[in-house]
PDB file of all heavy atoms in Angstrom:
ATOM      1  N   GLU A   1      -0.416  17.982 -23.752  1.00  0.00           N
ATOM      2  CA  GLU A   1       0.808  17.197 -23.860  1.00  0.00           C
ATOM      3  C   GLU A   1       0.532  15.695 -23.879  1.00  0.00           C
ATOM      4  O   GLU A   1       1.238  14.945 -24.549  1.00  0.00           O
ATOM      5  CB  GLU A   1       1.757  17.543 -22.711  1.00  0.00           C
ATOM      6  CG  GLU A   1       2.341  18.938 -22.814  1.00  0.00           C
ATOM      7  CD  GLU A   1       3.436  19.165 -21.790  1.00  0.00           C
ATOM      8  OE1 GLU A   1       3.895  18.186 -21.171  1.00  0.00           O
ATOM      9  OE2 GLU A   1       3.831  20.326 -21.602  1.00  0.00           O
ATOM     10  N   ARG A   2      -0.472  15.254 -23.167  1.00  0.00           N
ATOM     11  CA  ARG A   2      -0.766  13.818 -23.123  1.00  0.00           C
ATOM     12  C   ARG A   2      -1.367  13.351 -24.446  1.00  0.00           C
ATOM     13  O   ARG A   2      -2.193  14.029 -25.048  1.00  0.00           O
ATOM     14  CB  ARG A   2      -1.722  13.504 -21.983  1.00  0.00           C
ATOM     15  CG  ARG A   2      -1.132  13.690 -20.596  1.00  0.00           C
ATOM     16  CD  ARG A   2      -2.183  13.450 -19.534  1.00  0.00           C
ATOM     17  NE  ARG A   2      -2.711  12.088 -19.613  1.00  0.00           N
ATOM     18  CZ  ARG A   2      -3.813  11.696 -18.976  1.00  0.00           C
ATOM     19  NH1 ARG A   2      -4.513  12.560 -18.250  1.00  0.00           N
ATOM     20  NH2 ARG A   2      -4.219  10.441 -19.077  1.00  0.00           N
ATOM     21  N   SER A   3      -0.967  12.171 -24.874  1.00  0.00           N
ATOM     22  CA  SER A   3      -1.442  11.614 -26.130  1.00  0.00           C
ATOM     23  C   SER A   3      -2.870  11.080 -26.003  1.00  0.00           C
ATOM     24  O   SER A   3      -3.257  10.548 -24.968  1.00  0.00           O
ATOM     25  CB  SER A   3      -0.515  10.480 -26.571  1.00  0.00           C
ATOM     26  OG  SER A   3      -1.048   9.787 -27.683  1.00  0.00           O
ATOM     27  N   VAL A   4      -3.636  11.218 -27.081  1.00  0.00           N
ATOM     28  CA  VAL A   4      -4.949  10.577 -27.129  1.00  0.00           C
ATOM     29  C   VAL A   4      -4.849   9.178 -27.729  1.00  0.00           C
ATOM     30  O   VAL A   4      -5.841   8.450 -27.785  1.00  0.00           O
ATOM     31  CB  VAL A   4      -5.961  11.413 -27.946  1.00  0.00           C
ATOM     32  CG1 VAL A   4      -6.200  12.766 -27.290  1.00  0.00           C
ATOM     33  CG2 VAL A   4      -5.501  11.598 -29.389  1.00  0.00           C
ATOM     34  N   PHE A   5      -3.658   8.815 -28.184  1.00  0.00           N
ATOM     35  CA  PHE A   5      -3.466   7.526 -28.841  1.00  0.00           C
ATOM     36  C   PHE A   5      -2.679   6.521 -27.989  1.00  0.00           C
ATOM     37  O   PHE A   5      -2.977   5.329 -28.003  1.00  0.00           O
ATOM     38  CB  PHE A   5      -2.716   7.714 -30.168  1.00  0.00           C
ATOM     39  CG  PHE A   5      -3.400   8.627 -31.131  1.00  0.00           C
ATOM     40  CD1 PHE A   5      -2.935   9.925 -31.334  1.00  0.00           C
ATOM     41  CD2 PHE A   5      -4.514   8.212 -31.841  1.00  0.00           C
ATOM     42  CE1 PHE A   5      -3.558  10.772 -32.229  1.00  0.00           C
ATOM     43  CE2 PHE A   5      -5.154   9.058 -32.729  1.00  0.00           C
ATOM     44  CZ  PHE A   5      -4.671  10.338 -32.925  1.00  0.00           C
ATOM     45  N   ALA A   6      -1.692   6.979 -27.280  1.00  0.00           N
ATOM     46  CA  ALA A   6      -0.708   6.077 -26.679  1.00  0.00           C
ATOM     47  C   ALA A   6      -1.086   5.542 -25.303  1.00  0.00           C
ATOM     48  O   ALA A   6      -0.448   4.616 -24.815  1.00  0.00           O
ATOM     49  CB  ALA A   6       0.647   6.788 -26.589  1.00  0.00           C
ATOM     50  N   GLU A   7      -2.104   6.100 -24.664  1.00  0.00           N
ATOM     51  CA  GLU A   7      -2.415   5.707 -23.292  1.00  0.00           C
ATOM     52  C   GLU A   7      -3.560   4.709 -23.184  1.00  0.00           C
ATOM     53  O   GLU A   7      -4.023   4.406 -22.084  1.00  0.00           O
ATOM     54  CB  GLU A   7      -2.714   6.947 -22.448  1.00  0.00           C
ATOM     55  CG  GLU A   7      -1.510   7.874 -22.305  1.00  0.00           C
ATOM     56  CD  GLU A   7      -1.766   8.982 -21.312  1.00  0.00           C
ATOM     57  OE1 GLU A   7      -2.575   8.790 -20.384  1.00  0.00           O
ATOM     58  OE2 GLU A   7      -1.153  10.054 -21.472  1.00  0.00           O
ATOM     59  N   GLY A   8      -4.070   4.204 -24.303  1.00  0.00           N
ATOM     60  CA  GLY A   8      -5.099   3.177 -24.252  1.00  0.00           C
ATOM     61  C   GLY A   8      -6.501   3.721 -24.033  1.00  0.00           C
ATOM     62  O   GLY A   8      -6.737   4.935 -24.026  1.00  0.00           O
ATOM     63  N   ASP A   9      -7.437   2.798 -23.810  1.00  0.00           N
ATOM     64  CA  ASP A   9      -8.855   3.145 -23.723  1.00  0.00           C
ATOM     65  C   ASP A   9      -9.167   4.065 -22.545  1.00  0.00           C
ATOM     66  O   ASP A   9     -10.075   4.900 -22.630  1.00  0.00           O
ATOM     67  CB  ASP A   9      -9.698   1.878 -23.610  1.00  0.00           C
ATOM     68  CG  ASP A   9      -9.742   1.090 -24.916  1.00  0.00           C
ATOM     69  OD1 ASP A   9      -9.247   1.611 -25.936  1.00  0.00           O
ATOM     70  OD2 ASP A   9     -10.273  -0.037 -24.911  1.00  0.00           O
ATOM     71  N   GLU A  10      -8.464   3.907 -21.431  1.00  0.00           N
ATOM     72  CA  GLU A  10      -8.791   4.720 -20.265  1.00  0.00           C
ATOM     73  C   GLU A  10      -8.581   6.209 -20.517  1.00  0.00           C
ATOM     74  O   GLU A  10      -9.251   7.046 -19.920  1.00  0.00           O
ATOM     75  CB  GLU A  10      -8.000   4.254 -19.047  1.00  0.00           C
ATOM     76  CG  GLU A  10      -8.580   3.015 -18.379  1.00  0.00           C
ATOM     77  CD  GLU A  10     -10.060   3.166 -18.007  1.00  0.00           C
ATOM     78  OE1 GLU A  10     -10.395   4.129 -17.274  1.00  0.00           O
ATOM     79  OE2 GLU A  10     -10.874   2.348 -18.461  1.00  0.00           O
ATOM     80  N   ARG A  11      -7.652   6.555 -21.380  1.00  0.00           N
ATOM     81  CA  ARG A  11      -7.477   7.964 -21.746  1.00  0.00           C
ATOM     82  C   ARG A  11      -8.729   8.469 -22.463  1.00  0.00           C
ATOM     83  O   ARG A  11      -9.212   9.579 -22.199  1.00  0.00           O
ATOM     84  CB  ARG A  11      -6.246   8.122 -22.643  1.00  0.00           C
ATOM     85  CG  ARG A  11      -6.059   9.514 -23.254  1.00  0.00           C
ATOM     86  CD  ARG A  11      -5.790  10.572 -22.221  1.00  0.00           C
ATOM     87  NE  ARG A  11      -5.303  11.806 -22.839  1.00  0.00           N
ATOM     88  CZ  ARG A  11      -5.579  13.012 -22.382  1.00  0.00           C
ATOM     89  NH1 ARG A  11      -6.345  13.157 -21.311  1.00  0.00           N
ATOM     90  NH2 ARG A  11      -5.094  14.087 -22.984  1.00  0.00           N
ATOM     91  N   LEU A  12      -9.280   7.661 -23.350  1.00  0.00           N
ATOM     92  CA  LEU A  12     -10.504   8.054 -24.052  1.00  0.00           C
ATOM     93  C   LEU A  12     -11.688   8.103 -23.104  1.00  0.00           C
ATOM     94  O   LEU A  12     -12.563   8.976 -23.230  1.00  0.00           O
ATOM     95  CB  LEU A  12     -10.781   7.091 -25.208  1.00  0.00           C
ATOM     96  CG  LEU A  12      -9.738   7.069 -26.331  1.00  0.00           C
ATOM     97  CD1 LEU A  12     -10.206   6.149 -27.456  1.00  0.00           C
ATOM     98  CD2 LEU A  12      -9.473   8.477 -26.872  1.00  0.00           C
ATOM     99  N   VAL A  13     -11.745   7.185 -22.153  1.00  0.00           N
ATOM    100  CA  VAL A  13     -12.818   7.222 -21.151  1.00  0.00           C
ATOM    101  C   VAL A  13     -12.730   8.519 -20.352  1.00  0.00           C
ATOM    102  O   VAL A  13     -13.742   9.182 -20.092  1.00  0.00           O
ATOM    103  CB  VAL A  13     -12.734   6.002 -20.217  1.00  0.00           C
ATOM    104  CG1 VAL A  13     -13.711   6.157 -19.032  1.00  0.00           C
ATOM    105  CG2 VAL A  13     -13.032   4.720 -20.977  1.00  0.00           C
ATOM    106  N   GLU A  14     -11.521   8.883 -19.956  1.00  0.00           N
ATOM    107  CA  GLU A  14     -11.311  10.129 -19.210  1.00  0.00           C
ATOM    108  C   GLU A  14     -11.822  11.330 -19.996  1.00  0.00           C
ATOM    109  O   GLU A  14     -12.486  12.223 -19.439  1.00  0.00           O
ATOM    110  CB  GLU A  14      -9.816  10.275 -18.919  1.00  0.00           C
ATOM    111  CG  GLU A  14      -9.414  11.583 -18.269  1.00  0.00           C
ATOM    112  CD  GLU A  14      -7.899  11.729 -18.221  1.00  0.00           C
ATOM    113  OE1 GLU A  14      -7.219  10.783 -17.796  1.00  0.00           O
ATOM    114  OE2 GLU A  14      -7.404  12.806 -18.617  1.00  0.00           O
ATOM    115  N   LEU A  15     -11.527  11.362 -21.291  1.00  0.00           N
ATOM    116  CA  LEU A  15     -11.980  12.479 -22.122  1.00  0.00           C
ATOM    117  C   LEU A  15     -13.487  12.446 -22.313  1.00  0.00           C
ATOM    118  O   LEU A  15     -14.139  13.505 -22.348  1.00  0.00           O
ATOM    119  CB  LEU A  15     -11.256  12.442 -23.462  1.00  0.00           C
ATOM    120  CG  LEU A  15      -9.740  12.687 -23.389  1.00  0.00           C
ATOM    121  CD1 LEU A  15      -9.085  12.390 -24.732  1.00  0.00           C
ATOM    122  CD2 LEU A  15      -9.446  14.113 -22.944  1.00  0.00           C
ATOM    123  N   ALA A  16     -14.052  11.250 -22.434  1.00  0.00           N
ATOM    124  CA  ALA A  16     -15.508  11.127 -22.555  1.00  0.00           C
ATOM    125  C   ALA A  16     -16.199  11.673 -21.311  1.00  0.00           C
ATOM    126  O   ALA A  16     -17.211  12.388 -21.403  1.00  0.00           O
ATOM    127  CB  ALA A  16     -15.889   9.673 -22.798  1.00  0.00           C
ATOM    128  N   VAL A  17     -15.669  11.349 -20.152  1.00  0.00           N
ATOM    129  CA  VAL A  17     -16.237  11.851 -18.896  1.00  0.00           C
ATOM    130  C   VAL A  17     -16.122  13.373 -18.825  1.00  0.00           C
ATOM    131  O   VAL A  17     -17.054  14.067 -18.398  1.00  0.00           O
ATOM    132  CB  VAL A  17     -15.542  11.181 -17.693  1.00  0.00           C
ATOM    133  CG1 VAL A  17     -15.948  11.867 -16.381  1.00  0.00           C
ATOM    134  CG2 VAL A  17     -15.882   9.694 -17.638  1.00  0.00           C
ATOM    135  N   ALA A  18     -14.993  13.902 -19.275  1.00  0.00           N
ATOM    136  CA  ALA A  18     -14.803  15.361 -19.283  1.00  0.00           C
ATOM    137  C   ALA A  18     -15.838  16.052 -20.165  1.00  0.00           C
ATOM    138  O   ALA A  18     -16.188  17.216 -19.935  1.00  0.00           O
ATOM    139  CB  ALA A  18     -13.400  15.699 -19.759  1.00  0.00           C
ATOM    140  N   ALA A  19     -16.326  15.329 -21.167  1.00  0.00           N
ATOM    141  CA  ALA A  19     -17.331  15.886 -22.079  1.00  0.00           C
ATOM    142  C   ALA A  19     -18.757  15.625 -21.605  1.00  0.00           C
ATOM    143  O   ALA A  19     -19.709  15.986 -22.303  1.00  0.00           O
ATOM    144  CB  ALA A  19     -17.145  15.304 -23.476  1.00  0.00           C
ATOM    145  N   GLY A  20     -18.899  14.997 -20.438  1.00  0.00           N
ATOM    146  CA  GLY A  20     -20.232  14.800 -19.875  1.00  0.00           C
ATOM    147  C   GLY A  20     -20.836  13.427 -20.067  1.00  0.00           C
ATOM    148  O   GLY A  20     -22.015  13.221 -19.770  1.00  0.00           O
ATOM    149  N   LEU A  21     -20.047  12.465 -20.547  1.00  0.00           N
ATOM    150  CA  LEU A  21     -20.551  11.106 -20.741  1.00  0.00           C
ATOM    151  C   LEU A  21     -20.281  10.251 -19.511  1.00  0.00           C
ATOM    152  O   LEU A  21     -19.402  10.548 -18.693  1.00  0.00           O
ATOM    153  CB  LEU A  21     -19.907  10.464 -21.971  1.00  0.00           C
ATOM    154  CG  LEU A  21     -20.217  11.101 -23.314  1.00  0.00           C
ATOM    155  CD1 LEU A  21     -19.435  10.406 -24.423  1.00  0.00           C
ATOM    156  CD2 LEU A  21     -21.700  11.065 -23.621  1.00  0.00           C
ATOM    157  N   ASP A  22     -21.034   9.176 -19.396  1.00  0.00           N
ATOM    158  CA  ASP A  22     -20.840   8.234 -18.306  1.00  0.00           C
ATOM    159  C   ASP A  22     -19.647   7.320 -18.607  1.00  0.00           C
ATOM    160  O   ASP A  22     -19.534   6.801 -19.722  1.00  0.00           O
ATOM    161  CB  ASP A  22     -22.108   7.389 -18.119  1.00  0.00           C
ATOM    162  CG  ASP A  22     -21.968   6.387 -16.998  1.00  0.00           C
ATOM    163  OD1 ASP A  22     -22.082   6.772 -15.831  1.00  0.00           O
ATOM    164  OD2 ASP A  22     -21.718   5.192 -17.313  1.00  0.00           O
ATOM    165  N   ALA A  23     -18.782   7.122 -17.618  1.00  0.00           N
ATOM    166  CA  ALA A  23     -17.574   6.329 -17.829  1.00  0.00           C
ATOM    167  C   ALA A  23     -17.901   4.895 -18.224  1.00  0.00           C
ATOM    168  O   ALA A  23     -17.258   4.321 -19.123  1.00  0.00           O
ATOM    169  CB  ALA A  23     -16.713   6.345 -16.566  1.00  0.00           C
ATOM    170  N   ASP A  24     -18.884   4.300 -17.583  1.00  0.00           N
ATOM    171  CA  ASP A  24     -19.230   2.910 -17.902  1.00  0.00           C
ATOM    172  C   ASP A  24     -19.779   2.781 -19.316  1.00  0.00           C
ATOM    173  O   ASP A  24     -19.496   1.795 -20.012  1.00  0.00           O
ATOM    174  CB  ASP A  24     -20.250   2.370 -16.891  1.00  0.00           C
ATOM    175  CG  ASP A  24     -19.629   2.121 -15.519  1.00  0.00           C
ATOM    176  OD1 ASP A  24     -18.387   1.977 -15.450  1.00  0.00           O
ATOM    177  OD2 ASP A  24     -20.380   2.075 -14.529  1.00  0.00           O
ATOM    178  N   ASP A  25     -20.569   3.762 -19.744  1.00  0.00           N
ATOM    179  CA  ASP A  25     -21.081   3.738 -21.123  1.00  0.00           C
ATOM    180  C   ASP A  25     -19.927   3.787 -22.117  1.00  0.00           C
ATOM    181  O   ASP A  25     -19.922   3.064 -23.123  1.00  0.00           O
ATOM    182  CB  ASP A  25     -22.015   4.925 -21.368  1.00  0.00           C
ATOM    183  CG  ASP A  25     -23.351   4.792 -20.663  1.00  0.00           C
ATOM    184  OD1 ASP A  25     -23.693   3.665 -20.236  1.00  0.00           O
ATOM    185  OD2 ASP A  25     -24.055   5.814 -20.539  1.00  0.00           O
ATOM    186  N   ALA A  26     -18.955   4.640 -21.849  1.00  0.00           N
ATOM    187  CA  ALA A  26     -17.803   4.755 -22.753  1.00  0.00           C
ATOM    188  C   ALA A  26     -16.994   3.466 -22.764  1.00  0.00           C
ATOM    189  O   ALA A  26     -16.565   3.002 -23.825  1.00  0.00           O
ATOM    190  CB  ALA A  26     -16.929   5.930 -22.337  1.00  0.00           C
TER     191      ALA A  26
END
């Protein structure tokens, strides 16, 4: 339900972390 577009960079950082990436790198 949550948008990948409307919530800004932190939403993408959250998804990057969920995929195993480091938050600071993202």
